[in-house]
Amino acid sequence: MYLLTACLIVLALTALVASRRARRLPRTHRGRFAAIWPVVCSGICALGLLAIWRAQGVQDVEPSLLTCLLMLVVAFNAGWFIGVMGEWSWQ
């Protein structure tokens, strides 16, 4: 339950930060890439976590530390995407 609460907090805070950041960036190709850049970095981290999780090959019932970290990275990605796309659609 604490993990889901943490994921919702991460999602809300990153959506807020992303919308404020997207508001200040120019509408050029370079500005849009600057808005999406944190999602690209966390996506690379998520792929690394998936590779480690796959290499472990452990089939536990309870969530492992890697699963928890992966959920937080996905929440970060979703929040950033919602914030940036929400701000771009309003303008």
PDB file of N, CA and C in Angstrom:
ATOM      1  N   MET A   1       0.811  -1.187   0.000  1.00  0.00           N
ATOM      2  CA  MET A   1       0.000   0.000   0.000  1.00  0.00           C
ATOM      3  C   MET A   1       0.862   1.262   0.000  1.00  0.00           C
ATOM      4  N   TYR A   2       1.980   1.207   0.730  1.00  0.00           N
ATOM      5  CA  TYR A   2       2.868   2.359   0.760  1.00  0.00           C
ATOM      6  C   TYR A   2       3.507   2.604  -0.593  1.00  0.00           C
ATOM      7  N   LEU A   3       3.784   1.524  -1.313  1.00  0.00           N
ATOM      8  CA  LEU A   3       4.392   1.676  -2.631  1.00  0.00           C
ATOM      9  C   LEU A   3       3.433   2.352  -3.603  1.00  0.00           C
ATOM     10  N   LEU A   4       2.168   1.992  -3.569  1.00  0.00           N
ATOM     11  CA  LEU A   4       1.202   2.629  -4.450  1.00  0.00           C
ATOM     12  C   LEU A   4       1.014   4.103  -4.096  1.00  0.00           C
ATOM     13  N   THR A   5       1.032   4.411  -2.820  1.00  0.00           N
ATOM     14  CA  THR A   5       0.950   5.807  -2.392  1.00  0.00           C
ATOM     15  C   THR A   5       2.160   6.589  -2.878  1.00  0.00           C
ATOM     16  N   ALA A   6       3.328   5.986  -2.771  1.00  0.00           N
ATOM     17  CA  ALA A   6       4.552   6.643  -3.251  1.00  0.00           C
ATOM     18  C   ALA A   6       4.496   6.848  -4.762  1.00  0.00           C
ATOM     19  N   CYS A   7       3.974   5.870  -5.488  1.00  0.00           N
ATOM     20  CA  CYS A   7       3.864   6.006  -6.948  1.00  0.00           C
ATOM     21  C   CYS A   7       2.893   7.119  -7.323  1.00  0.00           C
ATOM     22  N   LEU A   8       1.795   7.245  -6.601  1.00  0.00           N
ATOM     23  CA  LEU A   8       0.844   8.322  -6.886  1.00  0.00           C
ATOM     24  C   LEU A   8       1.438   9.692  -6.560  1.00  0.00           C
ATOM     25  N   ILE A   9       2.217   9.783  -5.502  1.00  0.00           N
ATOM     26  CA  ILE A   9       2.872  11.047  -5.168  1.00  0.00           C
ATOM     27  C   ILE A   9       3.888  11.411  -6.235  1.00  0.00           C
ATOM     28  N   VAL A  10       4.684  10.447  -6.672  1.00  0.00           N
ATOM     29  CA  VAL A  10       5.667  10.694  -7.729  1.00  0.00           C
ATOM     30  C   VAL A  10       4.965  11.115  -9.012  1.00  0.00           C
ATOM     31  N   LEU A  11       3.877  10.466  -9.356  1.00  0.00           N
ATOM     32  CA  LEU A  11       3.134  10.802 -10.565  1.00  0.00           C
ATOM     33  C   LEU A  11       2.605  12.231 -10.499  1.00  0.00           C
ATOM     34  N   ALA A  12       2.020  12.617  -9.389  1.00  0.00           N
ATOM     35  CA  ALA A  12       1.453  13.965  -9.260  1.00  0.00           C
ATOM     36  C   ALA A  12       2.536  15.040  -9.272  1.00  0.00           C
ATOM     37  N   LEU A  13       3.622  14.816  -8.544  1.00  0.00           N
ATOM     38  CA  LEU A  13       4.678  15.830  -8.483  1.00  0.00           C
ATOM     39  C   LEU A  13       5.391  15.998  -9.823  1.00  0.00           C
ATOM     40  N   THR A  14       5.649  14.908 -10.518  1.00  0.00           N
ATOM     41  CA  THR A  14       6.320  15.041 -11.815  1.00  0.00           C
ATOM     42  C   THR A  14       5.389  15.657 -12.855  1.00  0.00           C
ATOM     43  N   ALA A  15       4.100  15.407 -12.773  1.00  0.00           N
ATOM     44  CA  ALA A  15       3.171  16.071 -13.697  1.00  0.00           C
ATOM     45  C   ALA A  15       3.168  17.578 -13.458  1.00  0.00           C
ATOM     46  N   LEU A  16       3.210  17.988 -12.202  1.00  0.00           N
ATOM     47  CA  LEU A  16       3.244  19.406 -11.871  1.00  0.00           C
ATOM     48  C   LEU A  16       4.531  20.060 -12.355  1.00  0.00           C
ATOM     49  N   VAL A  17       5.660  19.434 -12.089  1.00  0.00           N
ATOM     50  CA  VAL A  17       6.955  19.986 -12.507  1.00  0.00           C
ATOM     51  C   VAL A  17       7.059  20.017 -14.024  1.00  0.00           C
ATOM     52  N   ALA A  18       6.588  18.981 -14.699  1.00  0.00           N
ATOM     53  CA  ALA A  18       6.690  18.934 -16.150  1.00  0.00           C
ATOM     54  C   ALA A  18       5.817  19.986 -16.812  1.00  0.00           C
ATOM     55  N   SER A  19       4.630  20.217 -16.271  1.00  0.00           N
ATOM     56  CA  SER A  19       3.774  21.238 -16.884  1.00  0.00           C
ATOM     57  C   SER A  19       4.362  22.626 -16.694  1.00  0.00           C
ATOM     58  N   ARG A  20       4.954  22.885 -15.538  1.00  0.00           N
ATOM     59  CA  ARG A  20       5.586  24.192 -15.331  1.00  0.00           C
ATOM     60  C   ARG A  20       6.820  24.360 -16.208  1.00  0.00           C
ATOM     61  N   ARG A  21       7.561  23.291 -16.391  1.00  0.00           N
ATOM     62  CA  ARG A  21       8.758  23.375 -17.231  1.00  0.00           C
ATOM     63  C   ARG A  21       8.385  23.523 -18.701  1.00  0.00           C
ATOM     64  N   ALA A  22       7.359  22.818 -19.151  1.00  0.00           N
ATOM     65  CA  ALA A  22       6.949  22.894 -20.555  1.00  0.00           C
ATOM     66  C   ALA A  22       6.383  24.270 -20.885  1.00  0.00           C
ATOM     67  N   ARG A  23       5.837  24.951 -19.911  1.00  0.00           N
ATOM     68  CA  ARG A  23       5.294  26.289 -20.131  1.00  0.00           C
ATOM     69  C   ARG A  23       6.396  27.272 -20.486  1.00  0.00           C
ATOM     70  N   ARG A  24       7.599  27.077 -19.935  1.00  0.00           N
ATOM     71  CA  ARG A  24       8.698  28.018 -20.136  1.00  0.00           C
ATOM     72  C   ARG A  24       9.537  27.717 -21.372  1.00  0.00           C
ATOM     73  N   LEU A  25       9.411  26.523 -21.934  1.00  0.00           N
ATOM     74  CA  LEU A  25      10.256  26.150 -23.069  1.00  0.00           C
ATOM     75  C   LEU A  25       9.682  26.681 -24.378  1.00  0.00           C
ATOM     76  N   PRO A  26      10.559  26.970 -25.354  1.00  0.00           N
ATOM     77  CA  PRO A  26      10.063  27.434 -26.650  1.00  0.00           C
ATOM     78  C   PRO A  26       9.358  26.313 -27.407  1.00  0.00           C
ATOM     79  N   ARG A  27       8.619  26.677 -28.423  1.00  0.00           N
ATOM     80  CA  ARG A  27       7.838  25.716 -29.216  1.00  0.00           C
ATOM     81  C   ARG A  27       8.629  25.115 -30.377  1.00  0.00           C
ATOM     82  N   THR A  28       9.917  25.248 -30.363  1.00  0.00           N
ATOM     83  CA  THR A  28      10.741  24.683 -31.431  1.00  0.00           C
ATOM     84  C   THR A  28      11.018  23.205 -31.166  1.00  0.00           C
ATOM     85  N   HIS A  29      11.670  22.582 -32.142  1.00  0.00           N
ATOM     86  CA  HIS A  29      12.034  21.175 -31.994  1.00  0.00           C
ATOM     87  C   HIS A  29      12.980  20.985 -30.810  1.00  0.00           C
ATOM     88  N   ARG A  30      13.903  21.907 -30.635  1.00  0.00           N
ATOM     89  CA  ARG A  30      14.858  21.818 -29.520  1.00  0.00           C
ATOM     90  C   ARG A  30      14.150  21.958 -28.173  1.00  0.00           C
ATOM     91  N   GLY A  31      13.148  22.820 -28.089  1.00  0.00           N
ATOM     92  CA  GLY A  31      12.397  22.984 -26.850  1.00  0.00           C
ATOM     93  C   GLY A  31      11.583  21.748 -26.504  1.00  0.00           C
ATOM     94  N   ARG A  32      11.006  21.109 -27.502  1.00  0.00           N
ATOM     95  CA  ARG A  32      10.239  19.894 -27.244  1.00  0.00           C
ATOM     96  C   ARG A  32      11.143  18.746 -26.823  1.00  0.00           C
ATOM     97  N   PHE A  33      12.327  18.676 -27.417  1.00  0.00           N
ATOM     98  CA  PHE A  33      13.272  17.646 -26.997  1.00  0.00           C
ATOM     99  C   PHE A  33      13.737  17.887 -25.574  1.00  0.00           C
ATOM    100  N   ALA A  34      13.911  19.146 -25.191  1.00  0.00           N
ATOM    101  CA  ALA A  34      14.308  19.469 -23.821  1.00  0.00           C
ATOM    102  C   ALA A  34      13.216  19.093 -22.827  1.00  0.00           C
ATOM    103  N   ALA A  35      11.959  19.175 -23.251  1.00  0.00           N
ATOM    104  CA  ALA A  35      10.863  18.800 -22.363  1.00  0.00           C
ATOM    105  C   ALA A  35      10.773  17.285 -22.181  1.00  0.00           C
ATOM    106  N   ILE A  36      11.119  16.539 -23.200  1.00  0.00           N
ATOM    107  CA  ILE A  36      10.997  15.079 -23.165  1.00  0.00           C
ATOM    108  C   ILE A  36      12.278  14.415 -22.642  1.00  0.00           C
ATOM    109  N   TRP A  37      13.372  15.132 -22.551  1.00  0.00           N
ATOM    110  CA  TRP A  37      14.663  14.548 -22.187  1.00  0.00           C
ATOM    111  C   TRP A  37      14.654  13.789 -20.857  1.00  0.00           C
ATOM    112  N   PRO A  38      14.029  14.270 -19.779  1.00  0.00           N
ATOM    113  CA  PRO A  38      14.010  13.483 -18.533  1.00  0.00           C
ATOM    114  C   PRO A  38      13.308  12.133 -18.686  1.00  0.00           C
ATOM    115  N   VAL A  39      12.288  12.068 -19.526  1.00  0.00           N
ATOM    116  CA  VAL A  39      11.598  10.799 -19.755  1.00  0.00           C
ATOM    117  C   VAL A  39      12.505   9.822 -20.497  1.00  0.00           C
ATOM    118  N   VAL A  40      13.300  10.327 -21.414  1.00  0.00           N
ATOM    119  CA  VAL A  40      14.234   9.460 -22.134  1.00  0.00           C
ATOM    120  C   VAL A  40      15.260   8.868 -21.167  1.00  0.00           C
ATOM    121  N   CYS A  41      15.784   9.705 -20.274  1.00  0.00           N
ATOM    122  CA  CYS A  41      16.767   9.216 -19.293  1.00  0.00           C
ATOM    123  C   CYS A  41      16.160   8.177 -18.352  1.00  0.00           C
ATOM    124  N   SER A  42      14.957   8.440 -17.867  1.00  0.00           N
ATOM    125  CA  SER A  42      14.343   7.462 -16.962  1.00  0.00           C
ATOM    126  C   SER A  42      13.905   6.209 -17.711  1.00  0.00           C
ATOM    127  N   GLY A  43      13.598   6.336 -18.988  1.00  0.00           N
ATOM    128  CA  GLY A  43      13.298   5.153 -19.797  1.00  0.00           C
ATOM    129  C   GLY A  43      14.517   4.253 -19.952  1.00  0.00           C
ATOM    130  N   ILE A  44      15.677   4.865 -20.107  1.00  0.00           N
ATOM    131  CA  ILE A  44      16.921   4.084 -20.181  1.00  0.00           C
ATOM    132  C   ILE A  44      17.171   3.377 -18.852  1.00  0.00           C
ATOM    133  N   CYS A  45      16.907   4.075 -17.753  1.00  0.00           N
ATOM    134  CA  CYS A  45      17.041   3.442 -16.429  1.00  0.00           C
ATOM    135  C   CYS A  45      16.055   2.292 -16.267  1.00  0.00           C
ATOM    136  N   ALA A  46      14.831   2.474 -16.773  1.00  0.00           N
ATOM    137  CA  ALA A  46      13.829   1.411 -16.687  1.00  0.00           C
ATOM    138  C   ALA A  46      14.255   0.196 -17.492  1.00  0.00           C
ATOM    139  N   LEU A  47      14.831   0.410 -18.664  1.00  0.00           N
ATOM    140  CA  LEU A  47      15.312  -0.719 -19.460  1.00  0.00           C
ATOM    141  C   LEU A  47      16.447  -1.451 -18.747  1.00  0.00           C
ATOM    142  N   GLY A  48      17.319  -0.701 -18.078  1.00  0.00           N
ATOM    143  CA  GLY A  48      18.379  -1.332 -17.297  1.00  0.00           C
ATOM    144  C   GLY A  48      17.827  -2.148 -16.142  1.00  0.00           C
ATOM    145  N   LEU A  49      16.815  -1.604 -15.455  1.00  0.00           N
ATOM    146  CA  LEU A  49      16.185  -2.359 -14.370  1.00  0.00           C
ATOM    147  C   LEU A  49      15.484  -3.613 -14.890  1.00  0.00           C
ATOM    148  N   LEU A  50      14.846  -3.504 -16.044  1.00  0.00           N
ATOM    149  CA  LEU A  50      14.206  -4.685 -16.643  1.00  0.00           C
ATOM    150  C   LEU A  50      15.235  -5.749 -17.004  1.00  0.00           C
ATOM    151  N   ALA A  51      16.389  -5.314 -17.513  1.00  0.00           N
ATOM    152  CA  ALA A  51      17.438  -6.273 -17.865  1.00  0.00           C
ATOM    153  C   ALA A  51      17.968  -6.984 -16.622  1.00  0.00           C
ATOM    154  N   ILE A  52      18.162  -6.245 -15.545  1.00  0.00           N
ATOM    155  CA  ILE A  52      18.623  -6.859 -14.291  1.00  0.00           C
ATOM    156  C   ILE A  52      17.564  -7.814 -13.751  1.00  0.00           C
ATOM    157  N   TRP A  53      16.295  -7.392 -13.791  1.00  0.00           N
ATOM    158  CA  TRP A  53      15.193  -8.222 -13.297  1.00  0.00           C
ATOM    159  C   TRP A  53      15.076  -9.504 -14.106  1.00  0.00           C
ATOM    160  N   ARG A  54      15.267  -9.393 -15.411  1.00  0.00           N
ATOM    161  CA  ARG A  54      15.187 -10.566 -16.288  1.00  0.00           C
ATOM    162  C   ARG A  54      16.374 -11.507 -16.061  1.00  0.00           C
ATOM    163  N   ALA A  55      17.537 -10.931 -15.793  1.00  0.00           N
ATOM    164  CA  ALA A  55      18.729 -11.755 -15.577  1.00  0.00           C
ATOM    165  C   ALA A  55      18.671 -12.511 -14.253  1.00  0.00           C
ATOM    166  N   GLN A  56      17.945 -11.963 -13.269  1.00  0.00           N
ATOM    167  CA  GLN A  56      17.843 -12.654 -11.991  1.00  0.00           C
ATOM    168  C   GLN A  56      17.055 -13.948 -12.121  1.00  0.00           C
ATOM    169  N   GLY A  57      15.970 -13.906 -12.858  1.00  0.00           N
ATOM    170  CA  GLY A  57      15.169 -15.104 -13.080  1.00  0.00           C
ATOM    171  C   GLY A  57      14.451 -15.623 -11.853  1.00  0.00           C
ATOM    172  N   VAL A  58      14.238 -14.792 -10.860  1.00  0.00           N
ATOM    173  CA  VAL A  58      13.575 -15.214  -9.632  1.00  0.00           C
ATOM    174  C   VAL A  58      12.076 -14.980  -9.782  1.00  0.00           C
ATOM    175  N   GLN A  59      11.280 -15.959  -9.428  1.00  0.00           N
ATOM    176  CA  GLN A  59       9.834 -15.858  -9.521  1.00  0.00           C
ATOM    177  C   GLN A  59       9.233 -15.786  -8.116  1.00  0.00           C
ATOM    178  N   ASP A  60       9.404 -14.658  -7.456  1.00  0.00           N
ATOM    179  CA  ASP A  60       8.866 -14.471  -6.113  1.00  0.00           C
ATOM    180  C   ASP A  60       7.428 -13.966  -6.187  1.00  0.00           C
ATOM    181  N   VAL A  61       6.675 -14.271  -5.150  1.00  0.00           N
ATOM    182  CA  VAL A  61       5.299 -13.791  -5.076  1.00  0.00           C
ATOM    183  C   VAL A  61       5.274 -12.324  -4.651  1.00  0.00           C
ATOM    184  N   GLU A  62       6.094 -11.952  -3.675  1.00  0.00           N
ATOM    185  CA  GLU A  62       6.113 -10.574  -3.211  1.00  0.00           C
ATOM    186  C   GLU A  62       6.991  -9.733  -4.139  1.00  0.00           C
ATOM    187  N   PRO A  63       6.712  -8.437  -4.205  1.00  0.00           N
ATOM    188  CA  PRO A  63       7.512  -7.588  -5.094  1.00  0.00           C
ATOM    189  C   PRO A  63       8.940  -7.420  -4.571  1.00  0.00           C
ATOM    190  N   SER A  64       9.868  -7.487  -5.467  1.00  0.00           N
ATOM    191  CA  SER A  64      11.266  -7.305  -5.088  1.00  0.00           C
ATOM    192  C   SER A  64      11.617  -5.826  -5.134  1.00  0.00           C
ATOM    193  N   LEU A  65      12.826  -5.510  -4.765  1.00  0.00           N
ATOM    194  CA  LEU A  65      13.282  -4.127  -4.788  1.00  0.00           C
ATOM    195  C   LEU A  65      13.305  -3.598  -6.218  1.00  0.00           C
ATOM    196  N   LEU A  66      13.712  -4.419  -7.169  1.00  0.00           N
ATOM    197  CA  LEU A  66      13.743  -3.981  -8.558  1.00  0.00           C
ATOM    198  C   LEU A  66      12.343  -3.693  -9.083  1.00  0.00           C
ATOM    199  N   THR A  67      11.374  -4.492  -8.668  1.00  0.00           N
ATOM    200  CA  THR A  67       9.992  -4.245  -9.092  1.00  0.00           C
ATOM    201  C   THR A  67       9.497  -2.920  -8.531  1.00  0.00           C
ATOM    202  N   CYS A  68       9.828  -2.647  -7.296  1.00  0.00           N
ATOM    203  CA  CYS A  68       9.428  -1.379  -6.681  1.00  0.00           C
ATOM    204  C   CYS A  68      10.089  -0.195  -7.391  1.00  0.00           C
ATOM    205  N   LEU A  69      11.367  -0.307  -7.681  1.00  0.00           N
ATOM    206  CA  LEU A  69      12.059   0.761  -8.396  1.00  0.00           C
ATOM    207  C   LEU A  69      11.489   0.952  -9.792  1.00  0.00           C
ATOM    208  N   LEU A  70      11.161  -0.147 -10.447  1.00  0.00           N
ATOM    209  CA  LEU A  70      10.586  -0.064 -11.783  1.00  0.00           C
ATOM    210  C   LEU A  70       9.218   0.619 -11.745  1.00  0.00           C
ATOM    211  N   MET A  71       8.430   0.330 -10.731  1.00  0.00           N
ATOM    212  CA  MET A  71       7.133   0.997 -10.597  1.00  0.00           C
ATOM    213  C   MET A  71       7.305   2.497 -10.377  1.00  0.00           C
ATOM    214  N   LEU A  72       8.297   2.900  -9.602  1.00  0.00           N
ATOM    215  CA  LEU A  72       8.542   4.324  -9.390  1.00  0.00           C
ATOM    216  C   LEU A  72       9.027   5.008 -10.667  1.00  0.00           C
ATOM    217  N   VAL A  73       9.853   4.331 -11.453  1.00  0.00           N
ATOM    218  CA  VAL A  73      10.310   4.896 -12.726  1.00  0.00           C
ATOM    219  C   VAL A  73       9.147   5.035 -13.700  1.00  0.00           C
ATOM    220  N   VAL A  74       8.280   4.053 -13.743  1.00  0.00           N
ATOM    221  CA  VAL A  74       7.109   4.131 -14.617  1.00  0.00           C
ATOM    222  C   VAL A  74       6.180   5.253 -14.163  1.00  0.00           C
ATOM    223  N   ALA A  75       6.023   5.436 -12.870  1.00  0.00           N
ATOM    224  CA  ALA A  75       5.206   6.540 -12.363  1.00  0.00           C
ATOM    225  C   ALA A  75       5.826   7.885 -12.739  1.00  0.00           C
ATOM    226  N   PHE A  76       7.151   7.974 -12.689  1.00  0.00           N
ATOM    227  CA  PHE A  76       7.837   9.196 -13.108  1.00  0.00           C
ATOM    228  C   PHE A  76       7.588   9.462 -14.583  1.00  0.00           C
ATOM    229  N   ASN A  77       7.731   8.422 -15.411  1.00  0.00           N
ATOM    230  CA  ASN A  77       7.499   8.581 -16.850  1.00  0.00           C
ATOM    231  C   ASN A  77       6.068   9.019 -17.135  1.00  0.00           C
ATOM    232  N   ALA A  78       5.115   8.384 -16.498  1.00  0.00           N
ATOM    233  CA  ALA A  78       3.710   8.721 -16.739  1.00  0.00           C
ATOM    234  C   ALA A  78       3.404  10.143 -16.286  1.00  0.00           C
ATOM    235  N   GLY A  79       3.910  10.541 -15.137  1.00  0.00           N
ATOM    236  CA  GLY A  79       3.678  11.897 -14.659  1.00  0.00           C
ATOM    237  C   GLY A  79       4.287  12.944 -15.560  1.00  0.00           C
ATOM    238  N   TRP A  80       5.497  12.684 -16.017  1.00  0.00           N
ATOM    239  CA  TRP A  80       6.154  13.643 -16.901  1.00  0.00           C
ATOM    240  C   TRP A  80       5.405  13.743 -18.226  1.00  0.00           C
ATOM    241  N   PHE A  81       4.983  12.617 -18.760  1.00  0.00           N
ATOM    242  CA  PHE A  81       4.245  12.612 -20.018  1.00  0.00           C
ATOM    243  C   PHE A  81       2.919  13.351 -19.870  1.00  0.00           C
ATOM    244  N   ILE A  82       2.197  13.099 -18.797  1.00  0.00           N
ATOM    245  CA  ILE A  82       0.911  13.765 -18.566  1.00  0.00           C
ATOM    246  C   ILE A  82       1.112  15.272 -18.415  1.00  0.00           C
ATOM    247  N   GLY A  83       2.129  15.669 -17.688  1.00  0.00           N
ATOM    248  CA  GLY A  83       2.387  17.093 -17.482  1.00  0.00           C
ATOM    249  C   GLY A  83       2.759  17.820 -18.755  1.00  0.00           C
ATOM    250  N   VAL A  84       3.652  17.230 -19.548  1.00  0.00           N
ATOM    251  CA  VAL A  84       4.097  17.885 -20.783  1.00  0.00           C
ATOM    252  C   VAL A  84       2.973  17.917 -21.804  1.00  0.00           C
ATOM    253  N   MET A  85       2.300  16.812 -21.995  1.00  0.00           N
ATOM    254  CA  MET A  85       1.228  16.787 -22.991  1.00  0.00           C
ATOM    255  C   MET A  85       0.037  17.636 -22.545  1.00  0.00           C
ATOM    256  N   GLY A  86      -0.225  17.676 -21.266  1.00  0.00           N
ATOM    257  CA  GLY A  86      -1.301  18.515 -20.773  1.00  0.00           C
ATOM    258  C   GLY A  86      -1.022  19.996 -20.988  1.00  0.00           C
ATOM    259  N   GLU A  87       0.212  20.396 -20.769  1.00  0.00           N
ATOM    260  CA  GLU A  87       0.564  21.802 -20.970  1.00  0.00           C
ATOM    261  C   GLU A  87       0.568  22.158 -22.451  1.00  0.00           C
ATOM    262  N   TRP A  88       1.059  21.268 -23.300  1.00  0.00           N
ATOM    263  CA  TRP A  88       1.080  21.561 -24.736  1.00  0.00           C
ATOM    264  C   TRP A  88      -0.329  21.623 -25.309  1.00  0.00           C
ATOM    265  N   SER A  89      -1.248  20.823 -24.771  1.00  0.00           N
ATOM    266  CA  SER A  89      -2.604  20.858 -25.307  1.00  0.00           C
ATOM    267  C   SER A  89      -3.348  22.119 -24.865  1.00  0.00           C
ATOM    268  N   TRP A  90      -2.980  22.689 -23.718  1.00  0.00           N
ATOM    269  CA  TRP A  90      -3.646  23.897 -23.259  1.00  0.00           C
ATOM    270  C   TRP A  90      -3.203  25.120 -24.030  1.00  0.00           C
ATOM    271  N   GLN A  91      -1.994  25.106 -24.590  1.00  0.00           N
ATOM    272  CA  GLN A  91      -1.507  26.303 -25.279  1.00  0.00           C
ATOM    273  C   GLN A  91      -1.724  26.223 -26.743  1.00  0.00           C
TER     274      GLN A  91
END
